[in-house]
N, C-alpha and C. Protein backbone atom coordinates (compact mmCIF):
# COMPACT_ATOMS: atom_id res chain seq x y z
N MET A 1 108.52 109.40 137.33
CA MET A 1 107.92 108.41 136.44
C MET A 1 107.55 109.04 135.09
N ASN A 2 106.99 110.25 135.17
CA ASN A 2 106.61 110.95 133.94
C ASN A 2 107.82 111.23 133.06
N ASN A 3 108.92 111.67 133.71
CA ASN A 3 110.14 111.94 132.95
C ASN A 3 110.69 110.68 132.30
N GLU A 4 110.60 109.57 133.02
CA GLU A 4 111.06 108.30 132.47
C GLU A 4 110.22 107.92 131.25
N TRP A 5 108.93 108.15 131.36
CA TRP A 5 108.03 107.84 130.24
C TRP A 5 108.34 108.71 129.03
N LEU A 6 108.59 109.99 129.26
CA LEU A 6 108.91 110.92 128.16
C LEU A 6 110.23 110.53 127.49
N GLU A 7 111.19 110.11 128.32
CA GLU A 7 112.46 109.66 127.75
C GLU A 7 112.29 108.38 126.96
N LEU A 8 111.41 107.51 127.45
CA LEU A 8 111.17 106.22 126.79
C LEU A 8 110.60 106.41 125.39
N ILE A 9 109.70 107.36 125.23
CA ILE A 9 109.10 107.59 123.91
C ILE A 9 109.86 108.65 123.10
N LYS A 10 110.97 109.15 123.68
CA LYS A 10 111.82 110.14 123.00
C LYS A 10 110.99 111.31 122.47
N LEU A 11 110.34 112.00 123.40
CA LEU A 11 109.35 113.02 123.07
C LEU A 11 109.88 114.11 122.14
N GLU A 12 111.09 114.60 122.42
CA GLU A 12 111.63 115.68 121.60
C GLU A 12 111.80 115.25 120.15
N LYS A 13 112.33 114.06 119.94
CA LYS A 13 112.50 113.53 118.59
C LYS A 13 111.14 113.28 117.93
N LEU A 14 110.19 112.82 118.74
CA LEU A 14 108.84 112.58 118.22
C LEU A 14 108.20 113.88 117.74
N ILE A 15 108.36 114.95 118.54
CA ILE A 15 107.80 116.26 118.17
C ILE A 15 108.46 116.77 116.88
N ASP A 16 109.78 116.66 116.80
CA ASP A 16 110.50 117.09 115.60
C ASP A 16 110.03 116.31 114.37
N ALA A 17 109.88 115.00 114.54
CA ALA A 17 109.43 114.14 113.43
C ALA A 17 108.02 114.51 112.99
N THR A 18 107.16 114.80 113.96
CA THR A 18 105.78 115.19 113.65
C THR A 18 105.76 116.51 112.88
N GLN A 19 106.58 117.46 113.31
CA GLN A 19 106.66 118.75 112.63
C GLN A 19 107.15 118.58 111.19
N GLU A 20 108.13 117.70 110.99
CA GLU A 20 108.63 117.44 109.64
C GLU A 20 107.55 116.83 108.76
N THR A 21 106.77 115.90 109.32
CA THR A 21 105.68 115.29 108.55
C THR A 21 104.63 116.32 108.18
N ILE A 22 104.27 117.19 109.14
CA ILE A 22 103.29 118.25 108.86
C ILE A 22 103.82 119.20 107.79
N TYR A 23 105.10 119.54 107.88
CA TYR A 23 105.73 120.43 106.89
C TYR A 23 105.68 119.82 105.50
N MET A 24 106.12 118.56 105.38
CA MET A 24 106.12 117.89 104.07
C MET A 24 104.70 117.78 103.51
N THR A 25 103.76 117.44 104.38
CA THR A 25 102.37 117.28 103.94
C THR A 25 101.78 118.60 103.50
N ALA A 26 101.98 119.65 104.30
CA ALA A 26 101.39 120.97 104.00
C ALA A 26 101.91 121.53 102.68
N ILE A 27 103.23 121.49 102.48
CA ILE A 27 103.81 122.02 101.24
C ILE A 27 103.36 121.21 100.04
N SER A 28 103.43 119.90 100.15
CA SER A 28 103.07 119.04 99.01
C SER A 28 101.59 119.11 98.68
N VAL A 29 100.74 119.23 99.70
CA VAL A 29 99.29 119.36 99.45
C VAL A 29 98.99 120.67 98.73
N THR A 30 99.62 121.75 99.16
CA THR A 30 99.39 123.06 98.53
C THR A 30 99.79 123.05 97.05
N VAL A 31 101.00 122.56 96.77
CA VAL A 31 101.48 122.54 95.38
C VAL A 31 100.69 121.52 94.56
N THR A 32 100.36 120.39 95.17
CA THR A 32 99.56 119.36 94.48
C THR A 32 98.19 119.90 94.09
N PHE A 33 97.58 120.67 94.98
CA PHE A 33 96.26 121.25 94.68
C PHE A 33 96.34 122.16 93.46
N ILE A 34 97.37 123.01 93.41
CA ILE A 34 97.52 123.95 92.29
C ILE A 34 97.80 123.21 90.98
N LEU A 35 98.81 122.34 91.01
CA LEU A 35 99.18 121.60 89.79
C LEU A 35 98.09 120.63 89.37
N GLY A 36 97.53 119.93 90.33
CA GLY A 36 96.48 118.96 90.03
C GLY A 36 95.24 119.62 89.45
N LEU A 37 94.88 120.79 90.00
CA LEU A 37 93.73 121.53 89.48
C LEU A 37 93.99 121.97 88.05
N ALA A 38 95.20 122.47 87.79
CA ALA A 38 95.55 122.91 86.43
C ALA A 38 95.53 121.74 85.44
N LEU A 39 96.13 120.62 85.83
CA LEU A 39 96.15 119.44 84.96
C LEU A 39 94.74 118.89 84.73
N GLY A 40 93.97 118.84 85.80
CA GLY A 40 92.60 118.33 85.70
C GLY A 40 91.72 119.19 84.80
N LEU A 41 91.88 120.51 84.93
CA LEU A 41 91.14 121.44 84.06
C LEU A 41 91.53 121.24 82.61
N LEU A 42 92.83 121.09 82.35
CA LEU A 42 93.30 120.88 80.98
C LEU A 42 92.77 119.56 80.41
N LEU A 43 92.78 118.52 81.24
CA LEU A 43 92.24 117.23 80.79
C LEU A 43 90.77 117.36 80.41
N PHE A 44 90.03 118.09 81.23
CA PHE A 44 88.59 118.26 80.98
C PHE A 44 88.32 119.17 79.78
N LEU A 45 89.00 120.31 79.75
CA LEU A 45 88.71 121.32 78.73
C LEU A 45 89.18 120.92 77.33
N THR A 46 90.23 120.08 77.25
CA THR A 46 90.73 119.64 75.93
C THR A 46 90.07 118.35 75.47
N ASN A 47 89.18 117.82 76.28
CA ASN A 47 88.48 116.59 75.90
C ASN A 47 87.42 116.88 74.84
N LYS A 48 86.97 115.83 74.18
CA LYS A 48 86.01 115.98 73.08
C LYS A 48 84.74 116.69 73.53
N GLY A 49 84.35 117.71 72.77
CA GLY A 49 83.10 118.42 73.04
C GLY A 49 83.23 119.58 74.00
N ASN A 50 84.43 119.83 74.54
CA ASN A 50 84.61 120.93 75.48
C ASN A 50 85.30 122.12 74.81
N MET A 51 85.41 123.22 75.52
CA MET A 51 85.76 124.51 74.90
C MET A 51 87.15 124.55 74.26
N TRP A 52 88.11 123.80 74.78
CA TRP A 52 89.45 123.79 74.20
C TRP A 52 89.77 122.45 73.57
N GLU A 53 88.81 121.82 72.96
CA GLU A 53 88.99 120.46 72.42
C GLU A 53 90.27 120.36 71.59
N ASN A 54 91.13 119.45 72.02
CA ASN A 54 92.40 119.24 71.33
C ASN A 54 92.89 117.84 71.67
N LYS A 55 92.72 116.93 70.73
CA LYS A 55 93.03 115.53 70.98
C LYS A 55 94.50 115.30 71.33
N ALA A 56 95.40 115.98 70.60
CA ALA A 56 96.84 115.80 70.82
C ALA A 56 97.24 116.22 72.23
N VAL A 57 96.81 117.41 72.65
CA VAL A 57 97.14 117.92 73.98
C VAL A 57 96.53 117.03 75.06
N ASN A 58 95.29 116.64 74.85
CA ASN A 58 94.60 115.78 75.81
C ASN A 58 95.30 114.44 75.97
N THR A 59 95.78 113.89 74.85
CA THR A 59 96.48 112.60 74.89
C THR A 59 97.79 112.71 75.64
N VAL A 60 98.55 113.78 75.37
CA VAL A 60 99.85 113.97 76.02
C VAL A 60 99.67 114.14 77.54
N ILE A 61 98.74 115.00 77.94
CA ILE A 61 98.49 115.23 79.37
C ILE A 61 97.97 113.95 80.03
N GLY A 62 97.07 113.26 79.35
CA GLY A 62 96.53 112.01 79.87
C GLY A 62 97.60 110.96 80.06
N LEU A 63 98.53 110.89 79.12
CA LEU A 63 99.63 109.93 79.20
C LEU A 63 100.54 110.25 80.40
N PHE A 64 100.86 111.54 80.55
CA PHE A 64 101.69 111.97 81.68
C PHE A 64 101.02 111.61 83.01
N VAL A 65 99.75 111.92 83.12
CA VAL A 65 99.00 111.65 84.35
C VAL A 65 98.95 110.15 84.63
N ASN A 66 98.65 109.35 83.61
CA ASN A 66 98.53 107.91 83.79
C ASN A 66 99.85 107.26 84.19
N ILE A 67 100.94 107.73 83.58
CA ILE A 67 102.26 107.15 83.89
C ILE A 67 102.66 107.43 85.34
N PHE A 68 102.58 108.70 85.74
CA PHE A 68 103.10 109.06 87.06
C PHE A 68 102.18 108.66 88.21
N ARG A 69 100.90 108.49 87.94
CA ARG A 69 100.04 108.02 89.04
C ARG A 69 100.06 106.50 89.17
N SER A 70 100.70 105.84 88.20
CA SER A 70 100.77 104.38 88.21
C SER A 70 102.08 103.86 88.81
N ILE A 71 103.10 104.71 88.91
CA ILE A 71 104.38 104.27 89.45
C ILE A 71 104.30 104.18 90.97
N PRO A 72 104.63 103.03 91.56
CA PRO A 72 104.66 102.93 93.03
C PRO A 72 105.56 104.00 93.62
N PHE A 73 105.09 104.62 94.71
CA PHE A 73 105.78 105.80 95.24
C PHE A 73 107.23 105.53 95.62
N ILE A 74 107.49 104.38 96.23
CA ILE A 74 108.85 104.08 96.66
C ILE A 74 109.80 103.98 95.47
N ILE A 75 109.29 103.50 94.32
CA ILE A 75 110.09 103.43 93.09
C ILE A 75 110.27 104.83 92.51
N LEU A 76 109.22 105.64 92.59
CA LEU A 76 109.29 107.01 92.08
C LEU A 76 110.37 107.81 92.80
N ILE A 77 110.48 107.63 94.11
CA ILE A 77 111.51 108.33 94.88
C ILE A 77 112.90 108.00 94.33
N VAL A 78 113.12 106.70 94.08
CA VAL A 78 114.42 106.26 93.58
C VAL A 78 114.68 106.81 92.18
N LEU A 79 113.65 106.77 91.32
CA LEU A 79 113.80 107.29 89.96
C LEU A 79 114.13 108.78 89.94
N LEU A 80 113.60 109.50 90.92
CA LEU A 80 113.76 110.96 90.95
C LEU A 80 115.00 111.42 91.73
N ILE A 81 115.82 110.49 92.19
CA ILE A 81 117.00 110.88 92.97
C ILE A 81 117.89 111.88 92.23
N PRO A 82 118.25 111.65 90.94
CA PRO A 82 119.09 112.64 90.24
C PRO A 82 118.42 114.01 90.14
N PHE A 83 117.12 114.02 89.83
CA PHE A 83 116.37 115.28 89.71
C PHE A 83 116.29 115.98 91.06
N THR A 84 116.03 115.21 92.12
CA THR A 84 115.94 115.77 93.47
C THR A 84 117.27 116.38 93.90
N LYS A 85 118.37 115.67 93.63
CA LYS A 85 119.69 116.17 94.00
C LYS A 85 120.02 117.45 93.25
N LEU A 86 119.62 117.51 91.98
CA LEU A 86 119.85 118.71 91.17
C LEU A 86 119.03 119.88 91.69
N LEU A 87 117.78 119.60 92.06
CA LEU A 87 116.85 120.65 92.48
C LEU A 87 117.10 121.12 93.91
N VAL A 88 117.30 120.18 94.82
CA VAL A 88 117.40 120.51 96.25
C VAL A 88 118.84 120.52 96.74
N GLY A 89 119.71 119.74 96.07
CA GLY A 89 121.11 119.66 96.49
C GLY A 89 121.40 118.50 97.42
N SER A 90 120.36 117.73 97.76
CA SER A 90 120.53 116.59 98.65
C SER A 90 119.39 115.61 98.43
N ILE A 91 119.60 114.36 98.83
CA ILE A 91 118.51 113.37 98.76
C ILE A 91 118.03 113.01 100.16
N LEU A 92 118.52 113.75 101.16
CA LEU A 92 118.11 113.52 102.55
C LEU A 92 117.39 114.74 103.10
N GLY A 93 116.47 114.51 104.03
CA GLY A 93 115.76 115.60 104.67
C GLY A 93 114.38 115.83 104.08
N ALA A 94 113.60 116.64 104.79
CA ALA A 94 112.21 116.88 104.40
C ALA A 94 112.08 117.52 103.03
N ASN A 95 112.92 118.49 102.72
CA ASN A 95 112.84 119.17 101.42
C ASN A 95 113.12 118.23 100.26
N ALA A 96 113.99 117.26 100.48
CA ALA A 96 114.34 116.31 99.42
C ALA A 96 113.17 115.40 99.06
N ALA A 97 112.21 115.26 99.97
CA ALA A 97 111.05 114.41 99.69
C ALA A 97 110.00 115.13 98.85
N LEU A 98 110.03 116.46 98.85
CA LEU A 98 108.96 117.24 98.22
C LEU A 98 108.77 116.97 96.72
N PRO A 99 109.86 116.93 95.90
CA PRO A 99 109.63 116.67 94.47
C PRO A 99 108.89 115.37 94.20
N ALA A 100 109.30 114.29 94.88
CA ALA A 100 108.63 113.01 94.68
C ALA A 100 107.19 113.03 95.19
N LEU A 101 106.97 113.68 96.33
CA LEU A 101 105.62 113.78 96.88
C LEU A 101 104.68 114.49 95.91
N ILE A 102 105.15 115.61 95.37
CA ILE A 102 104.32 116.42 94.47
C ILE A 102 104.09 115.71 93.13
N ILE A 103 105.17 115.18 92.56
CA ILE A 103 105.05 114.50 91.26
C ILE A 103 104.22 113.22 91.38
N GLY A 104 104.27 112.60 92.55
CA GLY A 104 103.46 111.40 92.76
C GLY A 104 101.99 111.69 93.00
N ALA A 105 101.70 112.82 93.65
CA ALA A 105 100.31 113.12 94.05
C ALA A 105 99.54 113.98 93.05
N ALA A 106 100.22 114.90 92.36
CA ALA A 106 99.52 115.83 91.46
C ALA A 106 98.75 115.10 90.35
N PRO A 107 99.33 114.09 89.67
CA PRO A 107 98.56 113.37 88.65
C PRO A 107 97.36 112.62 89.23
N PHE A 108 97.53 112.08 90.44
CA PHE A 108 96.44 111.39 91.13
C PHE A 108 95.27 112.35 91.37
N TYR A 109 95.60 113.56 91.86
CA TYR A 109 94.55 114.55 92.12
C TYR A 109 93.97 115.09 90.82
N ALA A 110 94.79 115.18 89.78
CA ALA A 110 94.30 115.68 88.49
C ALA A 110 93.14 114.83 87.96
N ARG A 111 93.24 113.53 88.11
CA ARG A 111 92.14 112.65 87.68
C ARG A 111 90.89 112.89 88.50
N MET A 112 91.06 113.15 89.79
CA MET A 112 89.91 113.46 90.64
C MET A 112 89.25 114.77 90.21
N VAL A 113 90.07 115.75 89.84
CA VAL A 113 89.55 117.03 89.36
C VAL A 113 88.75 116.82 88.07
N GLU A 114 89.32 116.05 87.15
CA GLU A 114 88.64 115.79 85.88
C GLU A 114 87.30 115.10 86.11
N ILE A 115 87.25 114.12 87.00
CA ILE A 115 86.00 113.41 87.30
C ILE A 115 84.98 114.37 87.90
N ALA A 116 85.44 115.24 88.82
CA ALA A 116 84.54 116.21 89.45
C ALA A 116 83.94 117.16 88.42
N LEU A 117 84.73 117.59 87.45
CA LEU A 117 84.26 118.51 86.42
C LEU A 117 83.29 117.82 85.46
N ARG A 118 83.52 116.56 85.20
CA ARG A 118 82.63 115.81 84.31
C ARG A 118 81.22 115.66 84.90
N GLU A 119 81.14 115.70 86.23
CA GLU A 119 79.85 115.49 86.90
C GLU A 119 79.00 116.76 86.93
N ILE A 120 79.55 117.89 86.49
CA ILE A 120 78.77 119.13 86.46
C ILE A 120 77.71 119.04 85.37
N ASP A 121 76.52 119.49 85.70
CA ASP A 121 75.41 119.48 84.75
C ASP A 121 75.75 120.34 83.53
N LYS A 122 75.72 119.73 82.35
CA LYS A 122 76.03 120.46 81.11
C LYS A 122 75.11 121.65 80.90
N GLY A 123 73.89 121.53 81.42
CA GLY A 123 72.92 122.62 81.27
C GLY A 123 73.37 123.90 81.93
N VAL A 124 74.10 123.78 83.05
CA VAL A 124 74.61 124.97 83.76
C VAL A 124 75.63 125.69 82.89
N ILE A 125 76.49 124.93 82.24
CA ILE A 125 77.52 125.51 81.37
C ILE A 125 76.88 126.17 80.14
N GLU A 126 75.92 125.47 79.53
CA GLU A 126 75.23 126.00 78.35
C GLU A 126 74.47 127.27 78.68
N ALA A 127 73.84 127.29 79.86
CA ALA A 127 73.10 128.49 80.28
C ALA A 127 74.04 129.68 80.47
N SER A 128 75.23 129.42 80.99
CA SER A 128 76.22 130.48 81.20
C SER A 128 76.69 131.05 79.86
N TYR A 129 76.90 130.15 78.88
CA TYR A 129 77.27 130.60 77.54
C TYR A 129 76.15 131.45 76.94
N ALA A 130 74.93 131.02 77.14
CA ALA A 130 73.77 131.73 76.58
C ALA A 130 73.66 133.15 77.15
N MET A 131 74.15 133.32 78.38
CA MET A 131 74.10 134.65 79.02
C MET A 131 75.33 135.49 78.68
N GLY A 132 76.19 134.96 77.80
CA GLY A 132 77.33 135.72 77.31
C GLY A 132 78.60 135.59 78.11
N ALA A 133 78.70 134.56 78.93
CA ALA A 133 79.91 134.37 79.74
C ALA A 133 81.09 133.99 78.86
N SER A 134 82.27 134.52 79.19
CA SER A 134 83.49 134.19 78.45
C SER A 134 84.04 132.86 78.95
N ASN A 135 85.05 132.33 78.24
CA ASN A 135 85.66 131.08 78.67
C ASN A 135 86.26 131.19 80.07
N GLY A 136 86.91 132.32 80.34
CA GLY A 136 87.49 132.54 81.67
C GLY A 136 86.43 132.56 82.76
N GLN A 137 85.30 133.20 82.47
CA GLN A 137 84.21 133.24 83.45
C GLN A 137 83.60 131.86 83.65
N ILE A 138 83.51 131.09 82.58
CA ILE A 138 82.99 129.72 82.69
C ILE A 138 83.88 128.89 83.62
N ILE A 139 85.19 129.04 83.46
CA ILE A 139 86.13 128.25 84.26
C ILE A 139 86.09 128.67 85.74
N PHE A 140 86.21 129.98 85.99
CA PHE A 140 86.39 130.45 87.36
C PHE A 140 85.09 130.78 88.10
N LYS A 141 83.99 130.97 87.35
CA LYS A 141 82.74 131.31 88.01
C LYS A 141 81.68 130.21 87.90
N VAL A 142 81.95 129.21 87.06
CA VAL A 142 80.98 128.12 86.91
C VAL A 142 81.61 126.77 87.25
N LEU A 143 82.64 126.38 86.49
CA LEU A 143 83.22 125.04 86.65
C LEU A 143 83.80 124.82 88.05
N ILE A 144 84.72 125.69 88.46
CA ILE A 144 85.37 125.50 89.76
C ILE A 144 84.39 125.62 90.93
N PRO A 145 83.54 126.67 90.97
CA PRO A 145 82.57 126.74 92.09
C PRO A 145 81.60 125.55 92.13
N GLU A 146 81.13 125.10 90.96
CA GLU A 146 80.20 123.97 90.93
C GLU A 146 80.85 122.68 91.41
N ALA A 147 82.14 122.53 91.10
CA ALA A 147 82.85 121.30 91.45
C ALA A 147 83.55 121.38 92.82
N LEU A 148 83.44 122.53 93.50
CA LEU A 148 84.24 122.77 94.70
C LEU A 148 84.09 121.71 95.80
N PRO A 149 82.86 121.27 96.14
CA PRO A 149 82.76 120.21 97.17
C PRO A 149 83.55 118.96 96.80
N ALA A 150 83.44 118.54 95.53
CA ALA A 150 84.18 117.35 95.08
C ALA A 150 85.69 117.62 95.06
N LEU A 151 86.08 118.85 94.73
CA LEU A 151 87.51 119.20 94.72
C LEU A 151 88.09 119.15 96.13
N VAL A 152 87.34 119.64 97.10
CA VAL A 152 87.80 119.60 98.50
C VAL A 152 87.85 118.16 98.99
N SER A 153 86.84 117.39 98.66
CA SER A 153 86.83 115.96 99.03
C SER A 153 88.03 115.24 98.42
N GLY A 154 88.33 115.56 97.16
CA GLY A 154 89.45 114.94 96.47
C GLY A 154 90.79 115.31 97.07
N ILE A 155 90.96 116.57 97.45
CA ILE A 155 92.25 116.98 98.03
C ILE A 155 92.39 116.41 99.44
N THR A 156 91.28 116.14 100.10
CA THR A 156 91.33 115.48 101.41
C THR A 156 91.88 114.07 101.28
N VAL A 157 91.36 113.33 100.30
CA VAL A 157 91.84 111.97 100.04
C VAL A 157 93.32 112.01 99.65
N THR A 158 93.68 112.97 98.82
CA THR A 158 95.07 113.11 98.38
C THR A 158 95.99 113.46 99.53
N ALA A 159 95.54 114.33 100.43
CA ALA A 159 96.35 114.72 101.59
C ALA A 159 96.63 113.52 102.48
N ILE A 160 95.62 112.67 102.67
CA ILE A 160 95.80 111.47 103.48
C ILE A 160 96.81 110.53 102.81
N ALA A 161 96.71 110.41 101.48
CA ALA A 161 97.68 109.59 100.75
C ALA A 161 99.09 110.16 100.91
N LEU A 162 99.19 111.49 100.91
CA LEU A 162 100.51 112.13 101.06
C LEU A 162 101.13 111.88 102.43
N VAL A 163 100.29 111.79 103.46
CA VAL A 163 100.81 111.46 104.79
C VAL A 163 101.48 110.08 104.76
N SER A 164 100.83 109.13 104.09
CA SER A 164 101.42 107.79 103.98
C SER A 164 102.66 107.82 103.10
N TYR A 165 102.66 108.67 102.07
CA TYR A 165 103.85 108.82 101.22
C TYR A 165 105.04 109.35 102.03
N THR A 166 104.77 110.32 102.94
CA THR A 166 105.86 110.87 103.75
C THR A 166 106.46 109.79 104.65
N ALA A 167 105.60 108.88 105.11
CA ALA A 167 106.10 107.78 105.95
C ALA A 167 107.04 106.88 105.15
N MET A 168 106.66 106.60 103.89
CA MET A 168 107.53 105.79 103.02
C MET A 168 108.83 106.53 102.71
N ALA A 169 108.71 107.83 102.46
CA ALA A 169 109.90 108.63 102.16
C ALA A 169 110.85 108.66 103.35
N GLY A 170 110.28 108.62 104.55
CA GLY A 170 111.08 108.64 105.76
C GLY A 170 112.01 107.45 105.89
N VAL A 171 111.60 106.33 105.35
CA VAL A 171 112.41 105.11 105.43
C VAL A 171 113.73 105.27 104.70
N ILE A 172 113.76 106.12 103.66
CA ILE A 172 115.02 106.31 102.92
C ILE A 172 115.66 107.67 103.23
N GLY A 173 115.30 108.21 104.41
CA GLY A 173 116.04 109.38 104.90
C GLY A 173 115.39 110.73 104.75
N ALA A 174 114.09 110.76 104.48
CA ALA A 174 113.43 112.05 104.27
C ALA A 174 113.02 112.72 105.58
N GLY A 175 113.18 112.04 106.70
CA GLY A 175 112.74 112.61 107.96
C GLY A 175 111.27 112.32 108.22
N GLY A 176 110.74 112.93 109.27
CA GLY A 176 109.33 112.74 109.58
C GLY A 176 109.07 111.50 110.42
N LEU A 177 107.80 111.20 110.60
CA LEU A 177 107.39 110.10 111.46
C LEU A 177 107.79 108.73 110.89
N GLY A 178 107.85 108.62 109.58
CA GLY A 178 108.28 107.36 108.97
C GLY A 178 109.73 107.08 109.30
N ASN A 179 110.55 108.10 109.21
CA ASN A 179 111.97 107.98 109.55
C ASN A 179 112.15 107.67 111.04
N PHE A 180 111.35 108.33 111.86
CA PHE A 180 111.39 108.11 113.31
C PHE A 180 111.01 106.67 113.64
N ALA A 181 109.94 106.17 113.03
CA ALA A 181 109.49 104.80 113.28
C ALA A 181 110.53 103.78 112.83
N TYR A 182 111.18 104.07 111.71
CA TYR A 182 112.16 103.12 111.16
C TYR A 182 113.47 103.12 111.95
N LEU A 183 114.03 104.33 112.17
CA LEU A 183 115.33 104.41 112.85
C LEU A 183 115.23 104.13 114.34
N GLU A 184 114.31 104.86 115.00
CA GLU A 184 114.21 104.74 116.46
C GLU A 184 113.43 103.50 116.89
N GLY A 185 112.43 103.15 116.07
CA GLY A 185 111.60 102.01 116.43
C GLY A 185 112.13 100.69 115.92
N PHE A 186 112.14 100.53 114.61
CA PHE A 186 112.52 99.25 114.01
C PHE A 186 114.01 98.94 114.22
N GLN A 187 114.88 99.86 113.75
CA GLN A 187 116.32 99.59 113.87
C GLN A 187 116.79 99.67 115.32
N GLY A 188 116.10 100.43 116.13
CA GLY A 188 116.45 100.53 117.55
C GLY A 188 115.81 99.44 118.39
N SER A 189 115.14 98.48 117.73
CA SER A 189 114.47 97.37 118.43
C SER A 189 113.56 97.88 119.55
N ASN A 190 112.79 98.90 119.23
CA ASN A 190 111.88 99.50 120.21
C ASN A 190 110.48 99.59 119.60
N PRO A 191 109.70 98.51 119.71
CA PRO A 191 108.35 98.49 119.12
C PRO A 191 107.44 99.61 119.64
N LEU A 192 107.69 100.06 120.87
CA LEU A 192 106.87 101.12 121.45
C LEU A 192 106.96 102.39 120.61
N LEU A 193 108.16 102.74 120.15
CA LEU A 193 108.33 103.96 119.36
C LEU A 193 107.65 103.82 117.99
N THR A 194 107.70 102.63 117.42
CA THR A 194 106.99 102.39 116.16
C THR A 194 105.49 102.58 116.36
N PHE A 195 104.99 102.08 117.48
CA PHE A 195 103.56 102.22 117.81
C PHE A 195 103.18 103.69 118.01
N VAL A 196 104.04 104.42 118.75
CA VAL A 196 103.77 105.84 119.02
C VAL A 196 103.76 106.64 117.72
N ALA A 197 104.71 106.35 116.83
CA ALA A 197 104.77 107.04 115.54
C ALA A 197 103.52 106.73 114.72
N THR A 198 103.06 105.49 114.78
CA THR A 198 101.85 105.09 114.05
C THR A 198 100.63 105.84 114.57
N VAL A 199 100.54 105.95 115.88
CA VAL A 199 99.41 106.69 116.49
C VAL A 199 99.45 108.15 116.06
N ALA A 200 100.65 108.74 116.04
CA ALA A 200 100.80 110.15 115.62
C ALA A 200 100.34 110.34 114.18
N ILE A 201 100.69 109.39 113.30
CA ILE A 201 100.25 109.45 111.90
C ILE A 201 98.74 109.33 111.81
N LEU A 202 98.16 108.42 112.59
CA LEU A 202 96.70 108.23 112.59
C LEU A 202 95.99 109.50 113.06
N ILE A 203 96.53 110.16 114.06
CA ILE A 203 95.93 111.40 114.55
C ILE A 203 95.94 112.47 113.45
N LEU A 204 97.06 112.58 112.73
CA LEU A 204 97.15 113.54 111.61
C LEU A 204 96.10 113.22 110.55
N VAL A 205 95.97 111.93 110.24
CA VAL A 205 95.00 111.50 109.22
C VAL A 205 93.58 111.84 109.66
N PHE A 206 93.24 111.58 110.93
CA PHE A 206 91.90 111.87 111.44
C PHE A 206 91.62 113.37 111.38
N ILE A 207 92.62 114.19 111.71
CA ILE A 207 92.44 115.65 111.66
C ILE A 207 92.18 116.11 110.22
N ILE A 208 92.96 115.58 109.28
CA ILE A 208 92.78 115.93 107.86
C ILE A 208 91.40 115.51 107.38
N GLN A 209 91.00 114.27 107.73
CA GLN A 209 89.70 113.76 107.29
C GLN A 209 88.55 114.58 107.87
N PHE A 210 88.63 114.89 109.15
CA PHE A 210 87.58 115.68 109.81
C PHE A 210 87.47 117.06 109.18
N THR A 211 88.62 117.71 108.96
CA THR A 211 88.64 119.05 108.36
C THR A 211 88.08 119.02 106.95
N GLY A 212 88.51 118.04 106.15
CA GLY A 212 88.04 117.92 104.78
C GLY A 212 86.54 117.66 104.72
N ASP A 213 86.04 116.77 105.57
CA ASP A 213 84.61 116.46 105.61
C ASP A 213 83.79 117.69 106.01
N TYR A 214 84.32 118.45 106.97
CA TYR A 214 83.62 119.66 107.44
C TYR A 214 83.44 120.66 106.30
N PHE A 215 84.52 120.96 105.58
CA PHE A 215 84.44 121.95 104.51
C PHE A 215 83.67 121.42 103.30
N THR A 216 83.74 120.13 103.05
CA THR A 216 82.97 119.55 101.95
C THR A 216 81.47 119.72 102.20
N LYS A 217 81.04 119.45 103.44
CA LYS A 217 79.62 119.60 103.79
C LYS A 217 79.19 121.06 103.75
N LYS A 218 80.07 121.96 104.20
CA LYS A 218 79.75 123.39 104.19
C LYS A 218 79.58 123.92 102.77
N LEU A 219 80.37 123.38 101.84
CA LEU A 219 80.35 123.87 100.45
C LEU A 219 79.26 123.21 99.61
N ASP A 220 78.81 122.05 100.04
CA ASP A 220 77.80 121.31 99.27
C ASP A 220 76.43 121.96 99.46
N LYS A 221 75.87 122.50 98.39
CA LYS A 221 74.60 123.23 98.48
C LYS A 221 73.39 122.34 98.19
N ARG A 222 73.65 121.07 97.93
CA ARG A 222 72.52 120.18 97.62
C ARG A 222 71.69 119.87 98.86
């Protein structure tokens, strides 16, 4: 009976799909964190009244962020097909989903980074300057540490969004649980497999949320 049940839910394919989703999410979250942090810092630092105030640069970065975080993800995947094929060599598979995942999520996270930095008490920054801190020290020893709980909370929200993005990417051949639910569940007229894939995605989301909440609370000194 157990073997029949395992065959019914296609366990091996489910495990492979779950691994692909974890792979896509892990890589895209890591790169999104780096790019989003850099973009968010630039948005904050080039804004009026900050250390690298530059209206032109701020406008260009802001425009880039606003455009790419506003495009629906499924449309972004289609728009990026030529770029993805050039970069990866294919538009199918987990690796082919990464450019769209990163380009779709990094601007979203960049805005979260900018908001987190804006909430830092200006007095802390001014006090650091008064003690002779350099711009580099202000960024890496004041701004980022002070904003760290919000940055972790933001990347948690972004990671959850990326899990849902991987599911959408799966529908057009990127692999993962979305692809499994669509091919094996929907097209295979097997609602059970769609349900199982949904539960697997929910479990991943709960794990990400729990982990993010844990580290956010640990880092929050208030």
